Amino acid sequence: MKLLYADASPFARKVRAVAYELGLQDRIALDFIKAVPGAEPNRELGAANPLRKIPTLLLDDGRSIYDSTVICEYLDGLVPEIALIPSDGAQRAEVMTEHALANGLMDAAVGLRYETAVRPEDARWPSWIADHWDRIDTGLDWFEANSGRLAEPINLAQIALGCLMGYLDFRFAEKGWRSNRPKIAAWGETMLSRPSFTETVPAG
């Protein structure tokens, strides 16, 4: 298998962290792809994923799988003895709902990165930026209030939350997401020290 990815993408990191948690990291080759919205379209990526989004997983038989959630579900199915996504209907719905929240917060954070670092300053939308920061703050506050849900065993929602925390540290360290959130701050220190995260730290 080959993963088309960008080192800084929290969604690609989520897939890579899942691969480590499942013991599949050595079965997945990494292929760095440069794909910046608004820039020249990456035709190599488009051949595998018409949306031209990363991450995209190329299977050995030539098929491709995307987006990050679908890739994680596929990888989880390869190792039935480890369930990052519960099979039970009620538990699955709970984990996937929490994953949707963490994943949506990552999407908001990446959007903020593009808005504040890629879009020309005179074209930026302050109220849009404020709204996205409010979503992130509200989401993190929800996890703080429901930190009991972050107990072992590890699941996909927790991995996505860890990737969000890592991305905020990487791109927006000055915002200090840990402020007034001692429970998830302590949990995050433990999560980000796992090999699945220490081996996938973004570099640029």
N, C-alpha and C. Protein backbone atom coordinates (compact mmCIF):
# COMPACT_ATOMS: atom_id res chain seq x y z
N MET A 1 0.85 -1.19 0.00
CA MET A 1 0.00 0.00 0.00
C MET A 1 0.88 1.24 0.00
N LYS A 2 0.35 2.31 -0.57
CA LYS A 2 1.08 3.58 -0.59
C LYS A 2 0.13 4.69 -0.16
N LEU A 3 0.62 5.55 0.75
CA LEU A 3 -0.18 6.68 1.23
C LEU A 3 0.34 7.96 0.60
N LEU A 4 -0.52 8.63 -0.15
CA LEU A 4 -0.21 9.96 -0.67
C LEU A 4 -0.56 10.94 0.45
N TYR A 5 0.41 11.70 0.89
CA TYR A 5 0.20 12.49 2.10
C TYR A 5 1.04 13.77 2.07
N ALA A 6 0.75 14.66 3.00
CA ALA A 6 1.60 15.82 3.29
C ALA A 6 1.91 15.77 4.77
N ASP A 7 3.14 16.05 5.10
CA ASP A 7 3.61 15.90 6.47
C ASP A 7 2.81 16.75 7.45
N ALA A 8 2.40 17.94 7.02
CA ALA A 8 1.73 18.86 7.93
C ALA A 8 0.24 18.59 8.09
N SER A 9 -0.34 17.75 7.24
CA SER A 9 -1.78 17.52 7.27
C SER A 9 -2.19 16.72 8.51
N PRO A 10 -3.10 17.25 9.33
CA PRO A 10 -3.55 16.47 10.49
C PRO A 10 -4.38 15.26 10.07
N PHE A 11 -5.01 15.33 8.90
CA PHE A 11 -5.78 14.20 8.42
C PHE A 11 -4.86 13.06 7.98
N ALA A 12 -3.75 13.41 7.34
CA ALA A 12 -2.76 12.39 6.99
C ALA A 12 -2.12 11.82 8.26
N ARG A 13 -1.89 12.68 9.23
CA ARG A 13 -1.32 12.19 10.49
C ARG A 13 -2.27 11.22 11.16
N LYS A 14 -3.56 11.49 11.08
CA LYS A 14 -4.55 10.58 11.67
C LYS A 14 -4.42 9.20 11.06
N VAL A 15 -4.32 9.14 9.74
CA VAL A 15 -4.18 7.85 9.07
C VAL A 15 -2.89 7.16 9.49
N ARG A 16 -1.80 7.92 9.54
CA ARG A 16 -0.52 7.34 9.92
C ARG A 16 -0.55 6.85 11.37
N ALA A 17 -1.17 7.62 12.26
CA ALA A 17 -1.28 7.21 13.66
C ALA A 17 -2.10 5.94 13.79
N VAL A 18 -3.18 5.86 13.02
CA VAL A 18 -3.99 4.64 13.03
C VAL A 18 -3.16 3.46 12.56
N ALA A 19 -2.37 3.65 11.51
CA ALA A 19 -1.52 2.57 11.01
C ALA A 19 -0.56 2.09 12.10
N TYR A 20 0.04 3.02 12.85
CA TYR A 20 0.94 2.64 13.94
C TYR A 20 0.20 1.88 15.03
N GLU A 21 -0.99 2.36 15.40
CA GLU A 21 -1.75 1.70 16.47
C GLU A 21 -2.14 0.29 16.07
N LEU A 22 -2.31 0.07 14.77
CA LEU A 22 -2.69 -1.25 14.27
C LEU A 22 -1.49 -2.11 13.90
N GLY A 23 -0.28 -1.55 13.98
CA GLY A 23 0.91 -2.29 13.60
C GLY A 23 1.07 -2.46 12.10
N LEU A 24 0.48 -1.54 11.33
CA LEU A 24 0.52 -1.63 9.87
C LEU A 24 1.51 -0.66 9.22
N GLN A 25 2.24 0.10 10.03
CA GLN A 25 3.06 1.17 9.46
C GLN A 25 4.09 0.67 8.46
N ASP A 26 4.63 -0.52 8.68
CA ASP A 26 5.66 -1.04 7.76
C ASP A 26 5.07 -1.57 6.46
N ARG A 27 3.76 -1.67 6.39
CA ARG A 27 3.11 -2.14 5.16
C ARG A 27 2.66 -0.98 4.26
N ILE A 28 2.88 0.25 4.73
CA ILE A 28 2.42 1.42 3.98
C ILE A 28 3.60 2.29 3.61
N ALA A 29 3.87 2.41 2.32
CA ALA A 29 4.90 3.32 1.83
C ALA A 29 4.33 4.73 1.82
N LEU A 30 5.19 5.72 2.09
CA LEU A 30 4.76 7.11 2.13
C LEU A 30 5.24 7.85 0.89
N ASP A 31 4.33 8.59 0.27
CA ASP A 31 4.66 9.36 -0.92
C ASP A 31 4.20 10.80 -0.70
N PHE A 32 5.17 11.69 -0.46
CA PHE A 32 4.84 13.09 -0.18
C PHE A 32 4.23 13.74 -1.41
N ILE A 33 3.12 14.43 -1.20
CA ILE A 33 2.42 15.11 -2.28
C ILE A 33 2.24 16.58 -1.89
N LYS A 34 2.58 17.47 -2.82
CA LYS A 34 2.36 18.89 -2.59
C LYS A 34 1.06 19.28 -3.26
N ALA A 35 0.11 19.71 -2.47
CA ALA A 35 -1.20 20.10 -3.00
C ALA A 35 -1.74 21.25 -2.17
N VAL A 36 -1.64 22.45 -2.69
CA VAL A 36 -2.10 23.65 -1.99
C VAL A 36 -3.32 24.21 -2.72
N PRO A 37 -4.46 24.37 -2.03
CA PRO A 37 -5.64 24.93 -2.69
C PRO A 37 -5.33 26.28 -3.33
N GLY A 38 -5.80 26.45 -4.56
CA GLY A 38 -5.57 27.70 -5.26
C GLY A 38 -4.31 27.71 -6.10
N ALA A 39 -3.44 26.71 -5.89
CA ALA A 39 -2.21 26.62 -6.67
C ALA A 39 -2.46 25.76 -7.89
N GLU A 40 -1.41 25.50 -8.68
CA GLU A 40 -1.53 24.65 -9.86
C GLU A 40 -2.03 23.28 -9.45
N PRO A 41 -3.09 22.76 -10.10
CA PRO A 41 -3.63 21.45 -9.72
C PRO A 41 -2.58 20.35 -9.81
N ASN A 42 -2.59 19.48 -8.81
CA ASN A 42 -1.67 18.35 -8.80
C ASN A 42 -2.31 17.19 -9.56
N ARG A 43 -1.88 17.00 -10.81
CA ARG A 43 -2.50 16.00 -11.67
C ARG A 43 -2.19 14.58 -11.21
N GLU A 44 -1.01 14.39 -10.59
CA GLU A 44 -0.68 13.06 -10.07
C GLU A 44 -1.67 12.65 -9.00
N LEU A 45 -1.95 13.58 -8.12
CA LEU A 45 -2.93 13.30 -7.06
C LEU A 45 -4.32 13.13 -7.66
N GLY A 46 -4.66 13.96 -8.64
CA GLY A 46 -5.97 13.89 -9.26
C GLY A 46 -6.24 12.58 -9.96
N ALA A 47 -5.18 11.92 -10.44
CA ALA A 47 -5.35 10.63 -11.10
C ALA A 47 -5.80 9.56 -10.10
N ALA A 48 -5.42 9.72 -8.85
CA ALA A 48 -5.79 8.76 -7.81
C ALA A 48 -7.05 9.19 -7.06
N ASN A 49 -7.26 10.49 -6.97
CA ASN A 49 -8.38 11.04 -6.22
C ASN A 49 -8.87 12.29 -6.95
N PRO A 50 -10.00 12.21 -7.64
CA PRO A 50 -10.49 13.35 -8.41
C PRO A 50 -10.68 14.62 -7.58
N LEU A 51 -10.85 14.47 -6.27
CA LEU A 51 -10.97 15.64 -5.40
C LEU A 51 -9.63 16.32 -5.16
N ARG A 52 -8.54 15.63 -5.52
CA ARG A 52 -7.17 16.13 -5.32
C ARG A 52 -6.94 16.50 -3.85
N LYS A 53 -7.35 15.58 -2.97
CA LYS A 53 -7.16 15.80 -1.54
C LYS A 53 -6.29 14.71 -0.96
N ILE A 54 -5.56 15.09 0.07
CA ILE A 54 -4.78 14.14 0.83
C ILE A 54 -5.39 14.02 2.22
N PRO A 55 -5.23 12.81 2.80
CA PRO A 55 -4.50 11.65 2.30
C PRO A 55 -5.35 10.82 1.33
N THR A 56 -4.66 10.07 0.49
CA THR A 56 -5.27 9.09 -0.40
C THR A 56 -4.43 7.82 -0.29
N LEU A 57 -5.09 6.70 -0.11
CA LEU A 57 -4.40 5.42 0.03
C LEU A 57 -4.52 4.64 -1.28
N LEU A 58 -3.36 4.25 -1.83
CA LEU A 58 -3.33 3.42 -3.04
C LEU A 58 -3.12 1.97 -2.62
N LEU A 59 -4.04 1.12 -3.04
CA LEU A 59 -3.93 -0.29 -2.73
C LEU A 59 -3.05 -1.00 -3.74
N ASP A 60 -2.61 -2.19 -3.38
CA ASP A 60 -1.69 -2.93 -4.25
C ASP A 60 -2.35 -3.34 -5.57
N ASP A 61 -3.67 -3.40 -5.60
CA ASP A 61 -4.36 -3.79 -6.84
C ASP A 61 -4.70 -2.59 -7.72
N GLY A 62 -4.22 -1.40 -7.34
CA GLY A 62 -4.44 -0.21 -8.15
C GLY A 62 -5.61 0.65 -7.72
N ARG A 63 -6.46 0.15 -6.84
CA ARG A 63 -7.57 0.96 -6.36
C ARG A 63 -7.08 2.03 -5.40
N SER A 64 -7.86 3.09 -5.25
CA SER A 64 -7.53 4.14 -4.29
C SER A 64 -8.69 4.33 -3.32
N ILE A 65 -8.35 4.71 -2.09
CA ILE A 65 -9.34 4.92 -1.04
C ILE A 65 -9.13 6.31 -0.46
N TYR A 66 -10.22 7.02 -0.28
CA TYR A 66 -10.21 8.35 0.34
C TYR A 66 -11.61 8.58 0.87
N ASP A 67 -11.87 9.43 1.86
CA ASP A 67 -10.99 10.37 2.52
C ASP A 67 -10.35 9.71 3.75
N SER A 68 -9.85 10.54 4.70
CA SER A 68 -9.12 9.98 5.83
C SER A 68 -9.96 9.04 6.68
N THR A 69 -11.23 9.35 6.87
CA THR A 69 -12.08 8.49 7.69
C THR A 69 -12.28 7.14 7.03
N VAL A 70 -12.51 7.14 5.73
CA VAL A 70 -12.69 5.88 5.00
C VAL A 70 -11.41 5.06 5.04
N ILE A 71 -10.27 5.73 4.90
CA ILE A 71 -8.99 5.02 4.98
C ILE A 71 -8.83 4.38 6.35
N CYS A 72 -9.14 5.13 7.40
CA CYS A 72 -9.00 4.59 8.75
C CYS A 72 -9.93 3.39 8.96
N GLU A 73 -11.14 3.46 8.44
CA GLU A 73 -12.07 2.33 8.55
C GLU A 73 -11.52 1.12 7.81
N TYR A 74 -10.93 1.35 6.65
CA TYR A 74 -10.35 0.25 5.87
C TYR A 74 -9.20 -0.41 6.64
N LEU A 75 -8.30 0.40 7.16
CA LEU A 75 -7.15 -0.13 7.90
C LEU A 75 -7.61 -0.87 9.15
N ASP A 76 -8.59 -0.31 9.84
CA ASP A 76 -9.10 -0.96 11.06
C ASP A 76 -9.65 -2.35 10.74
N GLY A 77 -10.25 -2.50 9.58
CA GLY A 77 -10.79 -3.80 9.19
C GLY A 77 -9.74 -4.84 8.86
N LEU A 78 -8.49 -4.38 8.62
CA LEU A 78 -7.42 -5.32 8.31
C LEU A 78 -6.88 -6.02 9.55
N VAL A 79 -7.17 -5.47 10.72
CA VAL A 79 -6.64 -6.03 11.97
C VAL A 79 -7.82 -6.25 12.93
N PRO A 80 -8.58 -7.32 12.74
CA PRO A 80 -9.81 -7.51 13.52
C PRO A 80 -9.58 -7.65 15.02
N GLU A 81 -8.38 -8.05 15.42
CA GLU A 81 -8.14 -8.22 16.86
C GLU A 81 -7.96 -6.89 17.58
N ILE A 82 -7.79 -5.81 16.84
CA ILE A 82 -7.72 -4.47 17.44
C ILE A 82 -8.85 -3.65 16.84
N ALA A 83 -9.74 -3.14 17.68
CA ALA A 83 -10.90 -2.40 17.18
C ALA A 83 -10.80 -0.94 17.58
N LEU A 84 -10.29 -0.10 16.69
CA LEU A 84 -10.28 1.34 16.93
C LEU A 84 -11.67 1.93 16.69
N ILE A 85 -12.48 1.21 15.93
CA ILE A 85 -13.87 1.58 15.69
C ILE A 85 -14.72 0.42 16.18
N PRO A 86 -15.51 0.60 17.23
CA PRO A 86 -16.31 -0.52 17.76
C PRO A 86 -17.27 -1.07 16.72
N SER A 87 -17.53 -2.35 16.81
CA SER A 87 -18.49 -2.96 15.90
C SER A 87 -19.92 -2.85 16.43
N ASP A 88 -20.07 -2.76 17.75
CA ASP A 88 -21.39 -2.62 18.35
C ASP A 88 -22.04 -1.32 17.89
N GLY A 89 -23.31 -1.39 17.50
CA GLY A 89 -23.99 -0.24 16.92
C GLY A 89 -23.97 1.00 17.78
N ALA A 90 -24.35 0.88 19.06
CA ALA A 90 -24.43 2.04 19.94
C ALA A 90 -23.04 2.60 20.22
N GLN A 91 -22.08 1.73 20.53
CA GLN A 91 -20.72 2.18 20.79
C GLN A 91 -20.09 2.79 19.55
N ARG A 92 -20.35 2.18 18.41
CA ARG A 92 -19.81 2.70 17.15
C ARG A 92 -20.35 4.11 16.89
N ALA A 93 -21.65 4.29 17.07
CA ALA A 93 -22.25 5.60 16.84
C ALA A 93 -21.64 6.65 17.76
N GLU A 94 -21.38 6.26 19.01
CA GLU A 94 -20.80 7.20 19.97
C GLU A 94 -19.39 7.59 19.56
N VAL A 95 -18.56 6.60 19.23
CA VAL A 95 -17.19 6.88 18.84
C VAL A 95 -17.14 7.69 17.54
N MET A 96 -17.96 7.32 16.58
CA MET A 96 -17.92 8.01 15.30
C MET A 96 -18.49 9.42 15.39
N THR A 97 -19.42 9.65 16.31
CA THR A 97 -19.91 11.01 16.52
C THR A 97 -18.82 11.88 17.14
N GLU A 98 -18.11 11.33 18.13
CA GLU A 98 -17.00 12.07 18.73
C GLU A 98 -15.87 12.27 17.72
N HIS A 99 -15.68 11.28 16.87
CA HIS A 99 -14.69 11.43 15.81
C HIS A 99 -15.11 12.54 14.86
N ALA A 100 -16.40 12.61 14.52
CA ALA A 100 -16.89 13.65 13.63
C ALA A 100 -16.64 15.03 14.23
N LEU A 101 -16.78 15.15 15.53
CA LEU A 101 -16.50 16.43 16.18
C LEU A 101 -15.02 16.78 16.07
N ALA A 102 -14.15 15.86 16.47
CA ALA A 102 -12.71 16.13 16.40
C ALA A 102 -12.26 16.38 14.96
N ASN A 103 -12.81 15.60 14.05
CA ASN A 103 -12.46 15.75 12.63
C ASN A 103 -12.92 17.11 12.10
N GLY A 104 -14.13 17.52 12.50
CA GLY A 104 -14.64 18.82 12.09
C GLY A 104 -13.80 19.96 12.65
N LEU A 105 -13.29 19.80 13.85
CA LEU A 105 -12.42 20.82 14.44
C LEU A 105 -11.10 20.88 13.68
N MET A 106 -10.59 19.74 13.25
CA MET A 106 -9.39 19.74 12.41
C MET A 106 -9.65 20.48 11.11
N ASP A 107 -10.82 20.24 10.53
CA ASP A 107 -11.18 20.91 9.29
C ASP A 107 -11.23 22.43 9.49
N ALA A 108 -11.78 22.86 10.61
CA ALA A 108 -11.82 24.29 10.92
C ALA A 108 -10.41 24.85 11.08
N ALA A 109 -9.54 24.10 11.75
CA ALA A 109 -8.17 24.57 11.97
C ALA A 109 -7.39 24.67 10.66
N VAL A 110 -7.56 23.68 9.79
CA VAL A 110 -6.89 23.74 8.49
C VAL A 110 -7.44 24.90 7.66
N GLY A 111 -8.74 25.11 7.72
CA GLY A 111 -9.32 26.25 7.03
C GLY A 111 -8.75 27.57 7.52
N LEU A 112 -8.55 27.67 8.81
CA LEU A 112 -7.94 28.88 9.37
C LEU A 112 -6.51 29.06 8.88
N ARG A 113 -5.79 27.98 8.75
CA ARG A 113 -4.43 28.06 8.24
C ARG A 113 -4.41 28.63 6.82
N TYR A 114 -5.30 28.11 5.97
CA TYR A 114 -5.37 28.62 4.59
C TYR A 114 -5.80 30.08 4.57
N GLU A 115 -6.77 30.42 5.40
CA GLU A 115 -7.31 31.78 5.40
C GLU A 115 -6.27 32.79 5.87
N THR A 116 -5.45 32.40 6.84
CA THR A 116 -4.52 33.36 7.44
C THR A 116 -3.10 33.29 6.88
N ALA A 117 -2.78 32.20 6.17
CA ALA A 117 -1.41 32.06 5.66
C ALA A 117 -1.35 32.00 4.14
N VAL A 118 -2.43 31.63 3.49
CA VAL A 118 -2.43 31.49 2.03
C VAL A 118 -3.21 32.62 1.36
N ARG A 119 -4.39 32.94 1.88
CA ARG A 119 -5.20 34.00 1.27
C ARG A 119 -4.54 35.37 1.49
N PRO A 120 -4.53 36.24 0.50
CA PRO A 120 -3.97 37.59 0.68
C PRO A 120 -4.65 38.32 1.82
N GLU A 121 -3.88 39.07 2.57
CA GLU A 121 -4.38 39.69 3.79
C GLU A 121 -5.60 40.58 3.52
N ASP A 122 -5.61 41.31 2.43
CA ASP A 122 -6.73 42.22 2.16
C ASP A 122 -7.99 41.49 1.72
N ALA A 123 -7.90 40.17 1.51
CA ALA A 123 -9.06 39.38 1.10
C ALA A 123 -9.58 38.49 2.22
N ARG A 124 -8.99 38.57 3.38
CA ARG A 124 -9.40 37.71 4.48
C ARG A 124 -10.71 38.20 5.08
N TRP A 125 -11.41 37.27 5.74
CA TRP A 125 -12.76 37.52 6.26
C TRP A 125 -12.72 37.39 7.79
N PRO A 126 -12.58 38.50 8.50
CA PRO A 126 -12.42 38.44 9.96
C PRO A 126 -13.54 37.71 10.69
N SER A 127 -14.79 37.92 10.29
CA SER A 127 -15.89 37.26 11.00
C SER A 127 -15.87 35.75 10.76
N TRP A 128 -15.43 35.33 9.59
CA TRP A 128 -15.29 33.90 9.29
C TRP A 128 -14.20 33.30 10.17
N ILE A 129 -13.09 34.01 10.30
CA ILE A 129 -11.99 33.55 11.16
C ILE A 129 -12.46 33.43 12.60
N ALA A 130 -13.18 34.45 13.08
CA ALA A 130 -13.67 34.42 14.47
C ALA A 130 -14.63 33.27 14.68
N ASP A 131 -15.49 33.01 13.70
CA ASP A 131 -16.45 31.92 13.83
C ASP A 131 -15.74 30.57 13.92
N HIS A 132 -14.71 30.37 13.11
CA HIS A 132 -13.99 29.10 13.14
C HIS A 132 -13.23 28.91 14.45
N TRP A 133 -12.66 29.98 14.98
CA TRP A 133 -12.01 29.86 16.28
C TRP A 133 -13.05 29.53 17.36
N ASP A 134 -14.23 30.11 17.25
CA ASP A 134 -15.28 29.82 18.23
C ASP A 134 -15.70 28.36 18.17
N ARG A 135 -15.76 27.80 16.95
CA ARG A 135 -16.08 26.38 16.82
C ARG A 135 -15.03 25.52 17.51
N ILE A 136 -13.77 25.86 17.29
CA ILE A 136 -12.69 25.08 17.90
C ILE A 136 -12.75 25.18 19.42
N ASP A 137 -12.94 26.40 19.93
CA ASP A 137 -13.03 26.57 21.38
C ASP A 137 -14.22 25.81 21.96
N THR A 138 -15.36 25.89 21.29
CA THR A 138 -16.55 25.20 21.77
C THR A 138 -16.35 23.69 21.76
N GLY A 139 -15.72 23.19 20.70
CA GLY A 139 -15.46 21.76 20.61
C GLY A 139 -14.50 21.26 21.66
N LEU A 140 -13.43 22.01 21.88
CA LEU A 140 -12.47 21.62 22.92
C LEU A 140 -13.12 21.68 24.29
N ASP A 141 -13.98 22.67 24.50
CA ASP A 141 -14.68 22.76 25.79
C ASP A 141 -15.60 21.55 25.98
N TRP A 142 -16.20 21.05 24.89
CA TRP A 142 -17.04 19.86 25.00
C TRP A 142 -16.21 18.67 25.44
N PHE A 143 -15.04 18.50 24.84
CA PHE A 143 -14.19 17.37 25.24
C PHE A 143 -13.72 17.54 26.68
N GLU A 144 -13.45 18.76 27.10
CA GLU A 144 -13.06 19.00 28.50
C GLU A 144 -14.19 18.58 29.44
N ALA A 145 -15.42 18.96 29.09
CA ALA A 145 -16.57 18.64 29.94
C ALA A 145 -16.90 17.15 29.91
N ASN A 146 -16.47 16.47 28.86
CA ASN A 146 -16.77 15.04 28.72
C ASN A 146 -15.48 14.22 28.66
N SER A 147 -14.49 14.64 29.44
CA SER A 147 -13.18 13.99 29.39
C SER A 147 -13.21 12.53 29.83
N GLY A 148 -14.25 12.14 30.56
CA GLY A 148 -14.37 10.74 30.95
C GLY A 148 -14.50 9.80 29.77
N ARG A 149 -14.90 10.32 28.62
CA ARG A 149 -15.03 9.50 27.42
C ARG A 149 -13.67 9.19 26.79
N LEU A 150 -12.61 9.82 27.32
CA LEU A 150 -11.29 9.63 26.73
C LEU A 150 -10.49 8.52 27.41
N ALA A 151 -11.16 7.71 28.20
CA ALA A 151 -10.48 6.60 28.87
C ALA A 151 -10.12 5.52 27.87
N GLU A 152 -9.15 4.67 28.24
CA GLU A 152 -8.79 3.52 27.41
C GLU A 152 -10.01 2.60 27.25
N PRO A 153 -10.10 1.82 26.19
CA PRO A 153 -9.09 1.65 25.16
C PRO A 153 -9.12 2.77 24.13
N ILE A 154 -8.01 2.97 23.45
CA ILE A 154 -7.90 4.02 22.46
C ILE A 154 -8.85 3.73 21.30
N ASN A 155 -9.40 4.79 20.73
CA ASN A 155 -10.28 4.62 19.58
C ASN A 155 -10.02 5.73 18.56
N LEU A 156 -10.75 5.69 17.45
CA LEU A 156 -10.51 6.63 16.36
C LEU A 156 -10.79 8.06 16.76
N ALA A 157 -11.80 8.28 17.59
CA ALA A 157 -12.11 9.64 18.03
C ALA A 157 -10.94 10.23 18.82
N GLN A 158 -10.35 9.43 19.70
CA GLN A 158 -9.22 9.90 20.49
C GLN A 158 -8.02 10.22 19.61
N ILE A 159 -7.79 9.40 18.59
CA ILE A 159 -6.67 9.66 17.68
C ILE A 159 -6.90 10.97 16.93
N ALA A 160 -8.14 11.20 16.48
CA ALA A 160 -8.45 12.45 15.79
C ALA A 160 -8.27 13.65 16.71
N LEU A 161 -8.67 13.51 17.97
CA LEU A 161 -8.50 14.61 18.92
C LEU A 161 -7.01 14.88 19.15
N GLY A 162 -6.23 13.83 19.28
CA GLY A 162 -4.79 14.02 19.44
C GLY A 162 -4.18 14.73 18.24
N CYS A 163 -4.65 14.39 17.04
CA CYS A 163 -4.13 15.05 15.83
C CYS A 163 -4.54 16.51 15.79
N LEU A 164 -5.74 16.82 16.26
CA LEU A 164 -6.15 18.22 16.36
C LEU A 164 -5.23 18.98 17.31
N MET A 165 -4.98 18.41 18.48
CA MET A 165 -4.11 19.06 19.46
C MET A 165 -2.72 19.29 18.87
N GLY A 166 -2.20 18.27 18.21
CA GLY A 166 -0.88 18.40 17.60
C GLY A 166 -0.85 19.48 16.53
N TYR A 167 -1.92 19.58 15.75
CA TYR A 167 -1.97 20.60 14.70
C TYR A 167 -2.07 22.00 15.29
N LEU A 168 -2.85 22.15 16.34
CA LEU A 168 -2.94 23.46 17.00
C LEU A 168 -1.58 23.86 17.58
N ASP A 169 -0.87 22.90 18.17
CA ASP A 169 0.48 23.19 18.67
C ASP A 169 1.42 23.59 17.53
N PHE A 170 1.26 22.94 16.38
CA PHE A 170 2.15 23.14 15.25
C PHE A 170 1.90 24.47 14.54
N ARG A 171 0.64 24.78 14.29
CA ARG A 171 0.30 25.96 13.49
C ARG A 171 -0.14 27.17 14.31
N PHE A 172 -0.69 26.93 15.51
CA PHE A 172 -1.27 28.03 16.27
C PHE A 172 -0.87 27.94 17.74
N ALA A 173 0.43 27.75 17.98
CA ALA A 173 0.90 27.58 19.36
C ALA A 173 0.55 28.77 20.25
N GLU A 174 0.47 29.95 19.64
CA GLU A 174 0.20 31.15 20.42
C GLU A 174 -1.21 31.18 21.00
N LYS A 175 -2.11 30.34 20.47
CA LYS A 175 -3.49 30.34 20.94
C LYS A 175 -3.65 29.63 22.29
N GLY A 176 -2.74 28.73 22.62
CA GLY A 176 -2.76 28.09 23.94
C GLY A 176 -4.06 27.34 24.24
N TRP A 177 -4.34 26.27 23.47
CA TRP A 177 -5.58 25.53 23.66
C TRP A 177 -5.70 24.91 25.04
N ARG A 178 -4.57 24.74 25.74
CA ARG A 178 -4.60 24.10 27.06
C ARG A 178 -5.19 25.00 28.15
N SER A 179 -5.23 26.29 27.89
CA SER A 179 -5.71 27.24 28.89
C SER A 179 -7.13 26.90 29.32
N ASN A 180 -7.31 26.74 30.63
CA ASN A 180 -8.62 26.45 31.22
C ASN A 180 -9.18 25.08 30.81
N ARG A 181 -8.31 24.21 30.31
CA ARG A 181 -8.75 22.87 29.95
C ARG A 181 -7.76 21.84 30.53
N PRO A 182 -7.66 21.77 31.84
CA PRO A 182 -6.63 20.92 32.45
C PRO A 182 -6.82 19.43 32.20
N LYS A 183 -8.06 18.98 32.06
CA LYS A 183 -8.30 17.55 31.90
C LYS A 183 -7.82 17.05 30.54
N ILE A 184 -8.23 17.73 29.47
CA ILE A 184 -7.78 17.26 28.16
C ILE A 184 -6.33 17.65 27.91
N ALA A 185 -5.84 18.67 28.61
CA ALA A 185 -4.42 19.01 28.49
C ALA A 185 -3.57 17.87 29.02
N ALA A 186 -3.94 17.34 30.19
CA ALA A 186 -3.20 16.22 30.78
C ALA A 186 -3.34 14.98 29.91
N TRP A 187 -4.56 14.74 29.43
CA TRP A 187 -4.78 13.59 28.55
C TRP A 187 -3.96 13.74 27.26
N GLY A 188 -3.91 14.94 26.73
CA GLY A 188 -3.18 15.18 25.49
C GLY A 188 -1.69 14.91 25.63
N GLU A 189 -1.13 15.23 26.78
CA GLU A 189 0.30 14.95 26.99
C GLU A 189 0.57 13.46 26.88
N THR A 190 -0.33 12.65 27.45
CA THR A 190 -0.17 11.19 27.37
C THR A 190 -0.37 10.71 25.94
N MET A 191 -1.41 11.20 25.29
CA MET A 191 -1.70 10.77 23.92
C MET A 191 -0.55 11.13 22.97
N LEU A 192 -0.07 12.35 23.06
CA LEU A 192 0.96 12.81 22.13
C LEU A 192 2.32 12.18 22.41
N SER A 193 2.44 11.45 23.51
CA SER A 193 3.69 10.75 23.80
C SER A 193 3.68 9.30 23.30
N ARG A 194 2.55 8.85 22.77
CA ARG A 194 2.48 7.49 22.23
C ARG A 194 3.34 7.41 20.97
N PRO A 195 3.91 6.25 20.67
CA PRO A 195 4.72 6.10 19.45
C PRO A 195 3.98 6.50 18.18
N SER A 196 2.68 6.26 18.15
CA SER A 196 1.90 6.62 16.96
C SER A 196 1.91 8.12 16.70
N PHE A 197 2.19 8.90 17.73
CA PHE A 197 2.27 10.36 17.57
C PHE A 197 3.72 10.85 17.52
N THR A 198 4.60 10.26 18.33
CA THR A 198 5.98 10.71 18.29
C THR A 198 6.65 10.38 16.95
N GLU A 199 6.14 9.35 16.27
CA GLU A 199 6.69 8.97 14.97
C GLU A 199 6.05 9.70 13.81
N THR A 200 5.06 10.54 14.10
CA THR A 200 4.35 11.23 13.02
C THR A 200 4.29 12.74 13.22
N VAL A 201 5.22 13.27 14.00
CA VAL A 201 5.25 14.72 14.27
C VAL A 201 5.48 15.48 12.98
N PRO A 202 4.65 16.49 12.66
CA PRO A 202 4.85 17.25 11.44
C PRO A 202 6.13 18.08 11.49
N ALA A 203 6.77 18.18 10.34
CA ALA A 203 8.05 18.89 10.29
C ALA A 203 8.00 20.15 9.44
N GLY A 204 6.93 20.37 8.69
CA GLY A 204 6.90 21.56 7.85
C GLY A 204 5.60 21.68 7.10
